[in-house]
Amino acid sequence: MKIREGFLLRNVAGNNVVVPIGQATLDFNGMMSLNETGAFIFSKMLDGTTKEQLIEDLISEYEVEREIAQKDVDDFIKKVEGEGLLE
């Protein structure tokens, strides 16, 4: 899974936001605000990764149970997919 080219993760005034650049601004208006966990997952997806690796990374970083990590990853994937951010 990989985030489409043209989207950046930035910290603006203490808030994690996804902003489109270049051609992506034509398809995506505005910004997407992310919490800490969302920003962590998004940053991993910028370079491309598997769903299973995202779950493992979340477990390692936040010391959560597998079921919680899996639900968080599934929810996040649905969100970015719904916004058209996945390749």
N, C-alpha and C. Protein backbone atom coordinates (compact mmCIF):
# COMPACT_ATOMS: atom_id res chain seq x y z
N MET A 1 0.84 -1.17 0.00
CA MET A 1 0.00 0.00 0.00
C MET A 1 0.88 1.23 0.00
N LYS A 2 0.47 2.14 -0.85
CA LYS A 2 1.28 3.35 -0.98
C LYS A 2 0.38 4.55 -1.23
N ILE A 3 0.75 5.65 -0.61
CA ILE A 3 0.06 6.92 -0.83
C ILE A 3 0.44 7.42 -2.22
N ARG A 4 -0.55 7.92 -2.95
CA ARG A 4 -0.29 8.48 -4.28
C ARG A 4 0.71 9.61 -4.19
N GLU A 5 1.44 9.79 -5.26
CA GLU A 5 2.37 10.91 -5.35
C GLU A 5 1.58 12.22 -5.31
N GLY A 6 2.15 13.21 -4.66
CA GLY A 6 1.52 14.52 -4.64
C GLY A 6 0.89 14.87 -3.30
N PHE A 7 1.12 14.04 -2.28
CA PHE A 7 0.58 14.33 -0.96
C PHE A 7 1.72 14.32 0.06
N LEU A 8 1.73 15.32 0.90
CA LEU A 8 2.77 15.46 1.92
C LEU A 8 2.14 15.50 3.30
N LEU A 9 2.88 15.02 4.27
CA LEU A 9 2.49 15.11 5.68
C LEU A 9 3.30 16.23 6.30
N ARG A 10 2.62 17.18 6.88
CA ARG A 10 3.29 18.32 7.50
C ARG A 10 2.72 18.56 8.89
N ASN A 11 3.54 19.14 9.76
CA ASN A 11 3.09 19.55 11.08
C ASN A 11 2.94 21.06 11.04
N VAL A 12 1.70 21.52 11.19
CA VAL A 12 1.39 22.94 11.13
C VAL A 12 0.80 23.35 12.47
N ALA A 13 1.52 24.20 13.17
CA ALA A 13 1.07 24.70 14.49
C ALA A 13 0.67 23.55 15.42
N GLY A 14 1.46 22.48 15.41
CA GLY A 14 1.21 21.36 16.30
C GLY A 14 0.19 20.36 15.80
N ASN A 15 -0.32 20.56 14.60
CA ASN A 15 -1.31 19.64 14.01
C ASN A 15 -0.72 18.94 12.81
N ASN A 16 -0.95 17.63 12.71
CA ASN A 16 -0.50 16.84 11.57
C ASN A 16 -1.53 16.97 10.46
N VAL A 17 -1.09 17.44 9.30
CA VAL A 17 -2.01 17.61 8.18
C VAL A 17 -1.41 17.03 6.90
N VAL A 18 -2.28 16.50 6.07
CA VAL A 18 -1.91 16.02 4.75
C VAL A 18 -2.32 17.11 3.77
N VAL A 19 -1.38 17.53 2.94
CA VAL A 19 -1.66 18.58 1.96
C VAL A 19 -1.29 18.08 0.57
N PRO A 20 -2.11 18.43 -0.41
CA PRO A 20 -1.79 18.07 -1.78
C PRO A 20 -0.82 19.08 -2.39
N ILE A 21 0.00 18.63 -3.31
CA ILE A 21 0.89 19.52 -4.04
C ILE A 21 0.80 19.18 -5.52
N GLY A 22 1.17 20.12 -6.36
CA GLY A 22 1.19 19.89 -7.79
C GLY A 22 -0.15 19.46 -8.34
N GLN A 23 -0.13 18.47 -9.20
CA GLN A 23 -1.33 17.97 -9.88
C GLN A 23 -2.39 17.47 -8.89
N ALA A 24 -1.96 16.98 -7.73
CA ALA A 24 -2.91 16.44 -6.74
C ALA A 24 -3.88 17.50 -6.24
N THR A 25 -3.51 18.77 -6.34
CA THR A 25 -4.42 19.83 -5.87
C THR A 25 -5.68 19.90 -6.72
N LEU A 26 -5.64 19.37 -7.93
CA LEU A 26 -6.82 19.37 -8.79
C LEU A 26 -7.86 18.34 -8.34
N ASP A 27 -7.38 17.25 -7.73
CA ASP A 27 -8.26 16.16 -7.30
C ASP A 27 -8.66 16.25 -5.83
N PHE A 28 -7.89 16.95 -5.04
CA PHE A 28 -8.10 16.96 -3.59
C PHE A 28 -8.07 18.40 -3.10
N ASN A 29 -9.20 18.88 -2.67
CA ASN A 29 -9.28 20.26 -2.18
C ASN A 29 -9.14 20.28 -0.66
N GLY A 30 -8.31 21.17 -0.17
CA GLY A 30 -8.17 21.32 1.28
C GLY A 30 -7.06 20.49 1.86
N MET A 31 -7.25 20.14 3.14
CA MET A 31 -6.25 19.36 3.88
C MET A 31 -6.98 18.26 4.65
N MET A 32 -6.21 17.27 5.10
CA MET A 32 -6.74 16.23 5.95
C MET A 32 -5.96 16.29 7.26
N SER A 33 -6.66 16.43 8.35
CA SER A 33 -6.03 16.48 9.66
C SER A 33 -5.91 15.06 10.22
N LEU A 34 -4.75 14.74 10.78
CA LEU A 34 -4.50 13.41 11.33
C LEU A 34 -4.06 13.49 12.79
N ASN A 35 -4.50 12.51 13.57
CA ASN A 35 -3.98 12.41 14.93
C ASN A 35 -2.59 11.77 14.87
N GLU A 36 -1.98 11.58 16.00
CA GLU A 36 -0.62 11.04 16.05
C GLU A 36 -0.51 9.67 15.39
N THR A 37 -1.49 8.81 15.67
CA THR A 37 -1.48 7.46 15.10
C THR A 37 -1.66 7.52 13.59
N GLY A 38 -2.59 8.34 13.14
CA GLY A 38 -2.82 8.50 11.71
C GLY A 38 -1.58 9.01 10.99
N ALA A 39 -0.89 9.97 11.60
CA ALA A 39 0.33 10.52 11.02
C ALA A 39 1.41 9.44 10.94
N PHE A 40 1.49 8.61 11.96
CA PHE A 40 2.47 7.52 11.98
C PHE A 40 2.20 6.56 10.83
N ILE A 41 0.94 6.14 10.68
CA ILE A 41 0.58 5.21 9.60
C ILE A 41 0.81 5.85 8.24
N PHE A 42 0.38 7.10 8.09
CA PHE A 42 0.54 7.80 6.81
C PHE A 42 2.01 7.87 6.42
N SER A 43 2.86 8.20 7.36
CA SER A 43 4.29 8.31 7.05
C SER A 43 4.86 6.98 6.58
N LYS A 44 4.38 5.88 7.15
CA LYS A 44 4.84 4.55 6.70
C LYS A 44 4.34 4.25 5.29
N MET A 45 3.15 4.75 4.96
CA MET A 45 2.55 4.47 3.65
C MET A 45 3.14 5.34 2.54
N LEU A 46 3.83 6.40 2.89
CA LEU A 46 4.44 7.25 1.87
C LEU A 46 5.46 6.48 1.03
N ASP A 47 6.20 5.59 1.68
CA ASP A 47 7.23 4.81 0.99
C ASP A 47 6.71 3.48 0.48
N GLY A 48 5.48 3.14 0.83
CA GLY A 48 4.91 1.86 0.43
C GLY A 48 5.20 0.80 1.47
N THR A 49 4.20 0.02 1.79
CA THR A 49 4.34 -1.03 2.79
C THR A 49 3.15 -1.98 2.66
N THR A 50 3.18 -3.04 3.39
CA THR A 50 2.04 -3.96 3.39
C THR A 50 1.15 -3.66 4.58
N LYS A 51 -0.07 -4.12 4.50
CA LYS A 51 -1.00 -3.97 5.62
C LYS A 51 -0.44 -4.66 6.86
N GLU A 52 0.10 -5.84 6.68
CA GLU A 52 0.65 -6.58 7.83
C GLU A 52 1.81 -5.83 8.47
N GLN A 53 2.66 -5.21 7.65
CA GLN A 53 3.78 -4.45 8.21
C GLN A 53 3.29 -3.23 8.97
N LEU A 54 2.23 -2.59 8.47
CA LEU A 54 1.64 -1.46 9.19
C LEU A 54 1.16 -1.89 10.57
N ILE A 55 0.51 -3.04 10.62
CA ILE A 55 0.02 -3.56 11.91
C ILE A 55 1.19 -3.83 12.84
N GLU A 56 2.22 -4.49 12.33
CA GLU A 56 3.40 -4.78 13.15
C GLU A 56 4.08 -3.50 13.64
N ASP A 57 4.19 -2.51 12.77
CA ASP A 57 4.81 -1.24 13.15
C ASP A 57 4.00 -0.54 14.24
N LEU A 58 2.69 -0.59 14.13
CA LEU A 58 1.82 0.04 15.12
C LEU A 58 1.95 -0.66 16.48
N ILE A 59 1.98 -1.98 16.45
CA ILE A 59 2.16 -2.75 17.70
C ILE A 59 3.48 -2.39 18.35
N SER A 60 4.52 -2.33 17.56
CA SER A 60 5.85 -2.02 18.07
C SER A 60 5.95 -0.60 18.63
N GLU A 61 5.39 0.36 17.90
CA GLU A 61 5.50 1.77 18.29
C GLU A 61 4.64 2.12 19.50
N TYR A 62 3.43 1.59 19.55
CA TYR A 62 2.47 2.00 20.58
C TYR A 62 2.15 0.92 21.61
N GLU A 63 2.74 -0.27 21.43
CA GLU A 63 2.54 -1.37 22.37
C GLU A 63 1.06 -1.64 22.60
N VAL A 64 0.32 -1.80 21.51
CA VAL A 64 -1.10 -2.11 21.57
C VAL A 64 -1.33 -3.56 21.16
N GLU A 65 -2.50 -4.07 21.50
CA GLU A 65 -2.83 -5.44 21.11
C GLU A 65 -3.07 -5.50 19.60
N ARG A 66 -2.83 -6.68 19.03
CA ARG A 66 -2.97 -6.89 17.59
C ARG A 66 -4.35 -6.48 17.09
N GLU A 67 -5.40 -6.83 17.82
CA GLU A 67 -6.76 -6.53 17.37
C GLU A 67 -6.97 -5.02 17.24
N ILE A 68 -6.44 -4.27 18.18
CA ILE A 68 -6.58 -2.80 18.15
C ILE A 68 -5.78 -2.23 16.98
N ALA A 69 -4.55 -2.71 16.81
CA ALA A 69 -3.72 -2.24 15.71
C ALA A 69 -4.37 -2.56 14.37
N GLN A 70 -4.92 -3.76 14.25
CA GLN A 70 -5.55 -4.16 13.00
C GLN A 70 -6.76 -3.28 12.69
N LYS A 71 -7.58 -3.01 13.70
CA LYS A 71 -8.75 -2.15 13.50
C LYS A 71 -8.32 -0.73 13.11
N ASP A 72 -7.30 -0.20 13.79
CA ASP A 72 -6.81 1.14 13.46
C ASP A 72 -6.30 1.21 12.02
N VAL A 73 -5.54 0.21 11.62
CA VAL A 73 -5.01 0.19 10.25
C VAL A 73 -6.15 0.05 9.24
N ASP A 74 -7.09 -0.84 9.50
CA ASP A 74 -8.23 -1.00 8.59
C ASP A 74 -9.02 0.29 8.46
N ASP A 75 -9.29 0.95 9.58
CA ASP A 75 -10.04 2.21 9.56
C ASP A 75 -9.28 3.29 8.78
N PHE A 76 -7.97 3.36 8.99
CA PHE A 76 -7.17 4.36 8.31
C PHE A 76 -7.13 4.11 6.80
N ILE A 77 -6.96 2.86 6.43
CA ILE A 77 -6.93 2.52 5.00
C ILE A 77 -8.25 2.91 4.34
N LYS A 78 -9.36 2.63 4.99
CA LYS A 78 -10.66 3.03 4.45
C LYS A 78 -10.74 4.54 4.27
N LYS A 79 -10.20 5.28 5.24
CA LYS A 79 -10.25 6.74 5.18
C LYS A 79 -9.45 7.26 3.99
N VAL A 80 -8.21 6.85 3.85
CA VAL A 80 -7.38 7.38 2.76
C VAL A 80 -7.84 6.84 1.40
N GLU A 81 -8.35 5.63 1.39
CA GLU A 81 -8.89 5.09 0.14
C GLU A 81 -10.13 5.88 -0.28
N GLY A 82 -10.97 6.20 0.68
CA GLY A 82 -12.17 6.98 0.39
C GLY A 82 -11.86 8.38 -0.11
N GLU A 83 -10.73 8.91 0.29
CA GLU A 83 -10.30 10.24 -0.16
C GLU A 83 -9.51 10.18 -1.46
N GLY A 84 -9.27 8.95 -1.94
CA GLY A 84 -8.55 8.79 -3.21
C GLY A 84 -7.05 8.97 -3.10
N LEU A 85 -6.49 8.69 -1.92
CA LEU A 85 -5.06 8.92 -1.72
C LEU A 85 -4.18 7.70 -1.97
N LEU A 86 -4.77 6.53 -2.20
CA LEU A 86 -3.97 5.33 -2.43
C LEU A 86 -3.68 5.14 -3.91
N GLU A 87 -2.51 4.60 -4.18
CA GLU A 87 -2.16 4.25 -5.58
C GLU A 87 -2.98 3.07 -6.00
